[in-house]
Structures are given as C-alpha cells and as structure tokens.
Amino acid sequence: MSRYALYGDYTKDLLTFQGMVIFHTNKSEMEFLFPRSKVVRITDGDLGRPVIKLQDHPGMGHISFPLKKSEFR
C-alpha cells in the first residue's frame, strides 16, 4: 500500500500534527483537497516517526472518505 504526505515548501519537511506525519493512501484525493501543496510518496524508511491518517486529523472530521468530489462543487 502506497502512502502519501504533504511536503511543506517553507518547512522543507513533511507536514505533521502533534509530531505525527499526516498521510493518506489516495494521492489524487490528497491533491484534490490540497491543490496548492506538494504531495509526495512516503515509505516506512522515510519516516522513522509516528503517523496519523488524514481522516483521523481533527480538522478533517467533516469530510467523509472516500471523497465524493461532487459534494465539493
């Protein structure tokens, strides 16, 4: 299973929540939700730190997965 994370242009690191890397398994959904952000593929070897699923982030509680893009228009 591939995992994808957001890469911060200013931080030059993967974006985190409370020290956990935010990841999602669907690259196109992540790119849709964050169109101006760089989405990168990550592996366990890249991390070496805890992770949190995008859907488990408190700010994503109002969004259901898998996305229905028609609900956003």
Protein backbone atom coordinates (compact mmCIF):
# COMPACT_ATOMS: atom_id res chain seq x y z
CA MET A 1 0.00 0.00 0.00
CA SER A 2 1.40 3.37 -1.00
CA ARG A 3 1.16 6.30 1.37
CA TYR A 4 1.36 9.97 0.54
CA ALA A 5 2.13 13.03 2.64
CA LEU A 6 2.22 16.78 2.23
CA TYR A 7 5.62 18.40 1.89
CA GLY A 8 5.93 21.94 3.23
CA ASP A 9 7.68 24.46 0.99
CA TYR A 10 8.62 26.61 3.98
CA THR A 11 9.40 23.89 6.49
CA LYS A 12 11.24 21.71 3.93
CA ASP A 13 9.78 18.72 5.75
CA LEU A 14 6.68 16.55 5.82
CA LEU A 15 3.71 18.25 7.44
CA THR A 16 2.77 16.93 10.87
CA PHE A 17 0.10 17.13 13.53
CA GLN A 18 1.40 16.91 17.10
CA GLY A 19 4.61 15.37 15.79
CA MET A 20 2.86 12.73 13.66
CA VAL A 21 3.28 12.77 9.87
CA ILE A 22 -0.11 13.27 8.18
CA PHE A 23 -0.62 10.67 5.44
CA HIS A 24 -3.29 9.36 3.09
CA THR A 25 -3.39 6.30 0.84
CA ASN A 26 -5.01 8.06 -2.12
CA LYS A 27 -2.76 10.57 -3.86
CA SER A 28 -5.47 12.06 -6.08
CA GLU A 29 -7.74 12.71 -3.08
CA MET A 30 -4.92 14.44 -1.23
CA GLU A 31 -4.09 16.55 -4.28
CA PHE A 32 -7.77 17.46 -4.64
CA LEU A 33 -8.05 18.57 -1.00
CA PHE A 34 -4.75 20.46 -1.04
CA PRO A 35 -4.35 21.72 -4.63
CA ARG A 36 -1.51 24.14 -3.88
CA SER A 37 0.53 21.66 -1.85
CA LYS A 38 3.21 19.23 -2.89
CA VAL A 39 2.13 15.61 -2.32
CA VAL A 40 4.95 13.09 -2.03
CA ARG A 41 5.05 9.30 -1.76
CA ILE A 42 6.49 8.10 1.54
CA THR A 43 7.78 4.77 2.80
CA ASP A 44 8.36 3.45 6.31
CA GLY A 45 12.07 4.05 5.84
CA ASP A 46 11.45 7.72 5.07
CA LEU A 47 9.62 8.31 8.29
CA GLY A 48 11.15 6.95 11.44
CA ARG A 49 8.40 8.74 13.34
CA PRO A 50 4.71 8.30 14.19
CA VAL A 51 1.99 8.84 11.60
CA ILE A 52 -1.66 9.89 11.57
CA LYS A 53 -4.17 9.15 8.81
CA LEU A 54 -5.55 12.24 7.11
CA GLN A 55 -9.09 11.18 8.01
CA ASP A 56 -8.10 10.96 11.70
CA HIS A 57 -6.87 14.57 11.80
CA PRO A 58 -9.32 16.64 13.91
CA GLY A 59 -9.67 19.22 11.12
CA MET A 60 -10.93 16.57 8.70
CA GLY A 61 -13.87 15.33 10.80
CA HIS A 62 -16.41 16.97 8.48
CA ILE A 63 -15.14 15.13 5.40
CA SER A 64 -16.08 11.54 4.56
CA PHE A 65 -13.74 9.18 2.76
CA PRO A 66 -13.57 8.02 0.05
CA LEU A 67 -14.21 11.50 -1.28
CA LYS A 68 -17.20 12.32 -3.40
CA LYS A 69 -15.81 15.25 -5.37
CA SER A 70 -19.33 16.24 -6.44
CA GLU A 71 -20.04 17.23 -2.82
CA PHE A 72 -17.37 19.94 -3.06
CA ARG A 73 -18.81 21.87 -6.00
